[in-house]
Amino acid sequence: MQIEIRGLERLSFRERQVVILKESGQSNEEVACTLGISPGTVATLYKRARAKGYQVVAILPLESWGIVDDPAEKGDQ
């Protein structure tokens, strides 16, 4: 699965960092540790970023839905 974040151009550099880490599943504490800032600052930056509006789009391969055959399962036939 791939994740695409649309609208990042509206965010500050630090907001982008926070959004990318948060949307990849990290907690405020984990993001804070990674970026060397407080969890409260992470929460504030995330709230500001959400107010500016961005979209997270999950891109799933068709194989994961059982719609088409997974080429990896076919092997070298």
N, C-alpha and C. Protein backbone atom coordinates (compact mmCIF):
# COMPACT_ATOMS: atom_id res chain seq x y z
N MET A 1 0.84 -1.18 0.00
CA MET A 1 0.00 0.00 0.00
C MET A 1 0.88 1.23 0.00
N GLN A 2 0.49 2.21 -0.76
CA GLN A 2 1.16 3.50 -0.78
C GLN A 2 0.21 4.54 -0.23
N ILE A 3 0.76 5.56 0.39
CA ILE A 3 -0.04 6.67 0.89
C ILE A 3 0.40 7.93 0.17
N GLU A 4 -0.55 8.66 -0.36
CA GLU A 4 -0.27 9.94 -1.01
C GLU A 4 -0.92 11.03 -0.16
N ILE A 5 -0.17 12.07 0.12
CA ILE A 5 -0.70 13.19 0.89
C ILE A 5 -0.79 14.38 -0.06
N ARG A 6 -2.02 14.82 -0.29
CA ARG A 6 -2.25 15.93 -1.21
C ARG A 6 -2.45 17.22 -0.42
N GLY A 7 -1.91 18.31 -0.95
CA GLY A 7 -2.08 19.61 -0.30
C GLY A 7 -0.93 19.98 0.61
N LEU A 8 0.16 19.23 0.56
CA LEU A 8 1.32 19.54 1.42
C LEU A 8 1.90 20.92 1.13
N GLU A 9 1.69 21.42 -0.08
CA GLU A 9 2.26 22.72 -0.43
C GLU A 9 1.67 23.85 0.40
N ARG A 10 0.52 23.62 1.02
CA ARG A 10 -0.10 24.64 1.87
C ARG A 10 0.48 24.67 3.28
N LEU A 11 1.29 23.67 3.61
CA LEU A 11 1.81 23.52 4.97
C LEU A 11 3.23 24.04 5.10
N SER A 12 3.59 24.45 6.32
CA SER A 12 4.97 24.84 6.58
C SER A 12 5.84 23.58 6.57
N PHE A 13 7.14 23.77 6.52
CA PHE A 13 8.06 22.63 6.50
C PHE A 13 7.85 21.74 7.72
N ARG A 14 7.76 22.34 8.91
CA ARG A 14 7.60 21.56 10.14
C ARG A 14 6.24 20.86 10.17
N GLU A 15 5.19 21.54 9.69
CA GLU A 15 3.87 20.89 9.62
C GLU A 15 3.92 19.69 8.70
N ARG A 16 4.64 19.81 7.59
CA ARG A 16 4.79 18.68 6.66
C ARG A 16 5.44 17.50 7.35
N GLN A 17 6.51 17.77 8.09
CA GLN A 17 7.20 16.69 8.80
C GLN A 17 6.25 15.98 9.75
N VAL A 18 5.51 16.76 10.53
CA VAL A 18 4.59 16.19 11.51
C VAL A 18 3.50 15.38 10.81
N VAL A 19 2.92 15.93 9.76
CA VAL A 19 1.85 15.23 9.04
C VAL A 19 2.34 13.91 8.48
N ILE A 20 3.49 13.92 7.85
CA ILE A 20 4.02 12.70 7.25
C ILE A 20 4.23 11.62 8.31
N LEU A 21 4.81 12.00 9.44
CA LEU A 21 5.05 11.03 10.50
C LEU A 21 3.75 10.56 11.15
N LYS A 22 2.84 11.50 11.42
CA LYS A 22 1.56 11.13 12.04
C LYS A 22 0.73 10.25 11.12
N GLU A 23 0.67 10.58 9.83
CA GLU A 23 -0.14 9.81 8.90
C GLU A 23 0.48 8.45 8.59
N SER A 24 1.74 8.26 8.95
CA SER A 24 2.35 6.94 8.79
C SER A 24 2.20 6.12 10.07
N GLY A 25 1.43 6.64 11.03
CA GLY A 25 1.05 5.85 12.19
C GLY A 25 1.78 6.14 13.49
N GLN A 26 2.64 7.14 13.51
CA GLN A 26 3.38 7.42 14.74
C GLN A 26 2.54 8.24 15.72
N SER A 27 2.78 8.03 17.00
CA SER A 27 2.10 8.79 18.04
C SER A 27 2.76 10.16 18.19
N ASN A 28 2.09 11.05 18.92
CA ASN A 28 2.68 12.37 19.18
C ASN A 28 4.03 12.24 19.86
N GLU A 29 4.15 11.30 20.78
CA GLU A 29 5.40 11.10 21.51
C GLU A 29 6.51 10.61 20.58
N GLU A 30 6.18 9.70 19.68
CA GLU A 30 7.18 9.20 18.72
C GLU A 30 7.63 10.30 17.77
N VAL A 31 6.68 11.09 17.28
CA VAL A 31 7.01 12.19 16.38
C VAL A 31 7.88 13.21 17.11
N ALA A 32 7.51 13.52 18.35
CA ALA A 32 8.27 14.47 19.15
C ALA A 32 9.71 14.02 19.33
N CYS A 33 9.89 12.75 19.63
CA CYS A 33 11.24 12.20 19.82
C CYS A 33 12.03 12.28 18.52
N THR A 34 11.41 11.93 17.41
CA THR A 34 12.08 11.96 16.11
C THR A 34 12.52 13.37 15.73
N LEU A 35 11.64 14.36 15.98
CA LEU A 35 11.91 15.72 15.55
C LEU A 35 12.59 16.59 16.61
N GLY A 36 12.68 16.06 17.83
CA GLY A 36 13.32 16.82 18.90
C GLY A 36 12.48 17.99 19.39
N ILE A 37 11.16 17.79 19.41
CA ILE A 37 10.24 18.81 19.91
C ILE A 37 9.31 18.17 20.93
N SER A 38 8.50 18.96 21.60
CA SER A 38 7.61 18.39 22.62
C SER A 38 6.35 17.79 21.98
N PRO A 39 5.72 16.83 22.67
CA PRO A 39 4.46 16.27 22.17
C PRO A 39 3.38 17.34 22.01
N GLY A 40 3.38 18.34 22.87
CA GLY A 40 2.42 19.43 22.75
C GLY A 40 2.61 20.22 21.46
N THR A 41 3.87 20.44 21.09
CA THR A 41 4.17 21.13 19.83
C THR A 41 3.71 20.29 18.65
N VAL A 42 3.91 18.99 18.73
CA VAL A 42 3.44 18.09 17.68
C VAL A 42 1.93 18.23 17.52
N ALA A 43 1.21 18.20 18.64
CA ALA A 43 -0.25 18.31 18.59
C ALA A 43 -0.68 19.63 17.97
N THR A 44 -0.01 20.72 18.33
CA THR A 44 -0.33 22.04 17.78
C THR A 44 -0.07 22.09 16.28
N LEU A 45 1.08 21.60 15.85
CA LEU A 45 1.42 21.60 14.43
C LEU A 45 0.44 20.75 13.63
N TYR A 46 0.07 19.61 14.19
CA TYR A 46 -0.86 18.72 13.51
C TYR A 46 -2.23 19.37 13.38
N LYS A 47 -2.68 20.03 14.45
CA LYS A 47 -3.97 20.72 14.43
C LYS A 47 -3.96 21.84 13.39
N ARG A 48 -2.88 22.61 13.32
CA ARG A 48 -2.77 23.68 12.33
C ARG A 48 -2.79 23.12 10.91
N ALA A 49 -2.06 22.03 10.71
CA ALA A 49 -2.01 21.41 9.38
C ALA A 49 -3.39 20.92 8.96
N ARG A 50 -4.11 20.31 9.86
CA ARG A 50 -5.45 19.81 9.54
C ARG A 50 -6.39 20.96 9.20
N ALA A 51 -6.22 22.10 9.90
CA ALA A 51 -7.06 23.27 9.63
C ALA A 51 -6.78 23.84 8.24
N LYS A 52 -5.55 23.69 7.75
CA LYS A 52 -5.18 24.17 6.41
C LYS A 52 -5.71 23.25 5.32
N GLY A 53 -6.05 22.05 5.70
CA GLY A 53 -6.65 21.10 4.77
C GLY A 53 -5.63 20.39 3.90
N TYR A 54 -5.56 19.11 4.06
CA TYR A 54 -4.78 18.24 3.19
C TYR A 54 -5.56 16.94 3.11
N GLN A 55 -5.25 16.12 2.14
CA GLN A 55 -5.94 14.86 1.96
C GLN A 55 -4.95 13.71 1.96
N VAL A 56 -5.34 12.64 2.61
CA VAL A 56 -4.55 11.42 2.59
C VAL A 56 -5.28 10.43 1.70
N VAL A 57 -4.56 9.92 0.70
CA VAL A 57 -5.14 8.96 -0.24
C VAL A 57 -4.33 7.67 -0.15
N ALA A 58 -5.01 6.58 0.11
CA ALA A 58 -4.35 5.27 0.13
C ALA A 58 -4.45 4.67 -1.26
N ILE A 59 -3.32 4.22 -1.76
CA ILE A 59 -3.28 3.60 -3.08
C ILE A 59 -3.03 2.10 -2.86
N LEU A 60 -4.04 1.32 -3.18
CA LEU A 60 -3.97 -0.12 -2.97
C LEU A 60 -3.89 -0.84 -4.30
N PRO A 61 -3.00 -1.81 -4.42
CA PRO A 61 -2.94 -2.58 -5.66
C PRO A 61 -4.22 -3.40 -5.85
N LEU A 62 -4.65 -3.56 -7.09
CA LEU A 62 -5.87 -4.32 -7.37
C LEU A 62 -5.81 -5.73 -6.81
N GLU A 63 -4.61 -6.30 -6.78
CA GLU A 63 -4.45 -7.67 -6.29
C GLU A 63 -4.94 -7.81 -4.85
N SER A 64 -4.81 -6.75 -4.05
CA SER A 64 -5.22 -6.83 -2.65
C SER A 64 -6.74 -6.90 -2.51
N TRP A 65 -7.47 -6.56 -3.54
CA TRP A 65 -8.92 -6.62 -3.52
C TRP A 65 -9.46 -7.90 -4.15
N GLY A 66 -8.58 -8.73 -4.69
CA GLY A 66 -9.02 -9.96 -5.33
C GLY A 66 -9.69 -9.73 -6.67
N ILE A 67 -9.47 -8.56 -7.26
CA ILE A 67 -10.10 -8.21 -8.53
C ILE A 67 -9.32 -8.79 -9.71
N VAL A 68 -8.01 -8.76 -9.59
CA VAL A 68 -7.14 -9.33 -10.62
C VAL A 68 -6.16 -10.28 -9.95
N ASP A 69 -5.56 -11.14 -10.74
CA ASP A 69 -4.58 -12.08 -10.19
C ASP A 69 -3.31 -11.36 -9.79
N ASP A 70 -2.70 -11.83 -8.71
CA ASP A 70 -1.42 -11.30 -8.26
C ASP A 70 -0.32 -11.94 -9.09
N PRO A 71 0.45 -11.14 -9.87
CA PRO A 71 1.48 -11.72 -10.72
C PRO A 71 2.54 -12.46 -9.91
N ALA A 72 2.77 -12.09 -8.68
CA ALA A 72 3.78 -12.75 -7.85
C ALA A 72 3.39 -14.18 -7.52
N GLU A 73 2.08 -14.45 -7.47
CA GLU A 73 1.62 -15.80 -7.14
C GLU A 73 1.76 -16.76 -8.33
N LYS A 74 1.84 -16.23 -9.53
CA LYS A 74 1.93 -17.08 -10.72
C LYS A 74 3.32 -17.67 -10.91
N GLY A 75 4.33 -17.01 -10.37
CA GLY A 75 5.68 -17.52 -10.53
C GLY A 75 6.18 -17.36 -11.95
N ASP A 76 7.08 -18.24 -12.37
CA ASP A 76 7.68 -18.18 -13.72
C ASP A 76 7.01 -19.17 -14.65
N GLN A 77 5.73 -19.09 -14.81
CA GLN A 77 5.02 -20.04 -15.67
C GLN A 77 5.13 -19.67 -17.12
